[in-house]
Amino acid sequence: MSIRVLYFGELREHIGTHQDELPWLGQAHQPFTVQDLITTLSARAGNYAQVLKSDSPLKVAVNQDMANLTTPIPDHAEVALFRPVTGG
């Protein structure tokens, strides 16, 4: 039981890795949400808290579908974290 977290762009640069494998922390009576994941990651050592709590918006996709903070994360999910990208 685990989830894979993928980091893109500046998140990857500042955290220093492109992915993490974490145990799935959900329970049958209470889903594990995107907000729970961000809280869990922010408690880790290194730059996680600083990078994830930035004022810049954070985008999240769960199994390649855009998600919000209340989206449940199922076991064996792939969660992508990234900042919005602008181009010209």
C-alpha atoms as a PDB file:
ATOM      1  CA  MET A   1       0.000   0.000   0.000  1.00  0.00           C
ATOM      2  CA  SER A   2       1.714   3.122  -1.242  1.00  0.00           C
ATOM      3  CA  ILE A   3       1.451   6.231  -3.384  1.00  0.00           C
ATOM      4  CA  ARG A   4       3.961   7.745  -5.771  1.00  0.00           C
ATOM      5  CA  VAL A   5       4.460  11.512  -5.597  1.00  0.00           C
ATOM      6  CA  LEU A   6       5.973  13.196  -8.660  1.00  0.00           C
ATOM      7  CA  TYR A   7       7.522  16.685  -8.498  1.00  0.00           C
ATOM      8  CA  PHE A   8       7.811  18.942 -11.528  1.00  0.00           C
ATOM      9  CA  GLY A   9       9.545  22.243 -12.306  1.00  0.00           C
ATOM     10  CA  GLU A  10      10.745  24.323  -9.391  1.00  0.00           C
ATOM     11  CA  LEU A  11       9.424  21.791  -6.885  1.00  0.00           C
ATOM     12  CA  ARG A  12      11.787  19.169  -8.270  1.00  0.00           C
ATOM     13  CA  GLU A  13      14.682  21.632  -8.224  1.00  0.00           C
ATOM     14  CA  HIS A  14      14.140  22.825  -4.650  1.00  0.00           C
ATOM     15  CA  ILE A  15      13.240  19.469  -3.103  1.00  0.00           C
ATOM     16  CA  GLY A  16      16.086  17.732  -4.923  1.00  0.00           C
ATOM     17  CA  THR A  17      14.245  14.692  -6.251  1.00  0.00           C
ATOM     18  CA  HIS A  18      11.746  13.967  -9.001  1.00  0.00           C
ATOM     19  CA  GLN A  19       9.633  11.521  -6.989  1.00  0.00           C
ATOM     20  CA  ASP A  20       8.924   9.966  -3.605  1.00  0.00           C
ATOM     21  CA  GLU A  21       7.254   6.695  -2.721  1.00  0.00           C
ATOM     22  CA  LEU A  22       5.158   7.027   0.440  1.00  0.00           C
ATOM     23  CA  PRO A  23       3.028   4.615   2.404  1.00  0.00           C
ATOM     24  CA  TRP A  24      -0.665   5.159   1.794  1.00  0.00           C
ATOM     25  CA  LEU A  25      -2.065   6.630   5.000  1.00  0.00           C
ATOM     26  CA  GLY A  26      -5.766   6.312   4.250  1.00  0.00           C
ATOM     27  CA  GLN A  27      -8.285   4.489   6.371  1.00  0.00           C
ATOM     28  CA  ALA A  28     -11.593   2.894   5.484  1.00  0.00           C
ATOM     29  CA  HIS A  29     -13.628   5.445   7.452  1.00  0.00           C
ATOM     30  CA  GLN A  30     -11.568   8.531   6.593  1.00  0.00           C
ATOM     31  CA  PRO A  31     -10.029   9.155   3.169  1.00  0.00           C
ATOM     32  CA  PHE A  32      -6.462  10.367   2.734  1.00  0.00           C
ATOM     33  CA  THR A  33      -6.767  13.675   0.853  1.00  0.00           C
ATOM     34  CA  VAL A  34      -4.449  15.955  -1.111  1.00  0.00           C
ATOM     35  CA  GLN A  35      -4.346  18.277   1.936  1.00  0.00           C
ATOM     36  CA  ASP A  36      -3.274  15.327   4.107  1.00  0.00           C
ATOM     37  CA  LEU A  37      -0.490  14.545   1.637  1.00  0.00           C
ATOM     38  CA  ILE A  38       0.766  18.142   1.613  1.00  0.00           C
ATOM     39  CA  THR A  39       0.723  18.208   5.429  1.00  0.00           C
ATOM     40  CA  THR A  40       2.628  14.904   5.558  1.00  0.00           C
ATOM     41  CA  LEU A  41       5.229  16.081   3.037  1.00  0.00           C
ATOM     42  CA  SER A  42       5.625  19.467   4.771  1.00  0.00           C
ATOM     43  CA  ALA A  43       6.641  17.671   7.971  1.00  0.00           C
ATOM     44  CA  ARG A  44       9.611  16.031   6.233  1.00  0.00           C
ATOM     45  CA  ALA A  45      13.175  17.258   6.623  1.00  0.00           C
ATOM     46  CA  GLY A  46      14.837  19.386   3.985  1.00  0.00           C
ATOM     47  CA  ASN A  47      13.104  21.967   1.813  1.00  0.00           C
ATOM     48  CA  TYR A  48       9.676  20.305   1.689  1.00  0.00           C
ATOM     49  CA  ALA A  49       7.854  22.694   4.061  1.00  0.00           C
ATOM     50  CA  GLN A  50       9.345  25.838   2.555  1.00  0.00           C
ATOM     51  CA  VAL A  51       8.622  24.798  -1.022  1.00  0.00           C
ATOM     52  CA  LEU A  52       5.112  23.446  -0.452  1.00  0.00           C
ATOM     53  CA  LYS A  53       3.933  26.358   1.713  1.00  0.00           C
ATOM     54  CA  SER A  54       5.035  29.013  -0.767  1.00  0.00           C
ATOM     55  CA  ASP A  55       2.558  31.763  -1.676  1.00  0.00           C
ATOM     56  CA  SER A  56       2.721  30.609  -5.286  1.00  0.00           C
ATOM     57  CA  PRO A  57      -0.252  28.362  -6.154  1.00  0.00           C
ATOM     58  CA  LEU A  58       0.295  24.625  -6.136  1.00  0.00           C
ATOM     59  CA  LYS A  59      -1.379  22.436  -8.747  1.00  0.00           C
ATOM     60  CA  VAL A  60      -2.084  18.768  -8.096  1.00  0.00           C
ATOM     61  CA  ALA A  61      -3.124  15.857 -10.280  1.00  0.00           C
ATOM     62  CA  VAL A  62      -4.210  12.493  -8.870  1.00  0.00           C
ATOM     63  CA  ASN A  63      -3.864   9.687 -11.391  1.00  0.00           C
ATOM     64  CA  GLN A  64      -3.509  12.322 -14.128  1.00  0.00           C
ATOM     65  CA  ASP A  65      -6.773  14.115 -13.242  1.00  0.00           C
ATOM     66  CA  MET A  66      -6.597  17.647 -11.842  1.00  0.00           C
ATOM     67  CA  ALA A  67      -7.413  17.667  -8.137  1.00  0.00           C
ATOM     68  CA  ASN A  68      -8.075  20.039  -5.249  1.00  0.00           C
ATOM     69  CA  LEU A  69      -7.216  19.894  -1.555  1.00  0.00           C
ATOM     70  CA  THR A  70     -10.246  17.751  -0.675  1.00  0.00           C
ATOM     71  CA  THR A  71      -9.675  15.143  -3.405  1.00  0.00           C
ATOM     72  CA  PRO A  72      -9.198  11.680  -1.885  1.00  0.00           C
ATOM     73  CA  ILE A  73      -6.026   9.819  -2.824  1.00  0.00           C
ATOM     74  CA  PRO A  74      -6.592   6.093  -3.357  1.00  0.00           C
ATOM     75  CA  ASP A  75      -4.047   3.415  -2.579  1.00  0.00           C
ATOM     76  CA  HIS A  76      -1.461   2.947  -5.372  1.00  0.00           C
ATOM     77  CA  ALA A  77      -2.179   6.439  -6.745  1.00  0.00           C
ATOM     78  CA  GLU A  78       0.217   8.643  -8.650  1.00  0.00           C
ATOM     79  CA  VAL A  79       0.131  12.247  -7.422  1.00  0.00           C
ATOM     80  CA  ALA A  80       1.816  15.010  -9.422  1.00  0.00           C
ATOM     81  CA  LEU A  81       2.703  18.336  -7.762  1.00  0.00           C
ATOM     82  CA  PHE A  82       3.637  21.375  -9.829  1.00  0.00           C
ATOM     83  CA  ARG A  83       3.282  25.138 -10.129  1.00  0.00           C
ATOM     84  CA  PRO A  84       1.223  26.749 -12.899  1.00  0.00           C
ATOM     85  CA  VAL A  85       3.298  27.444 -15.989  1.00  0.00           C
ATOM     86  CA  THR A  86       3.013  30.533 -18.140  1.00  0.00           C
ATOM     87  CA  GLY A  87       4.452  30.888 -21.567  1.00  0.00           C
ATOM     88  CA  GLY A  88       4.748  33.337 -24.342  1.00  0.00           C
END
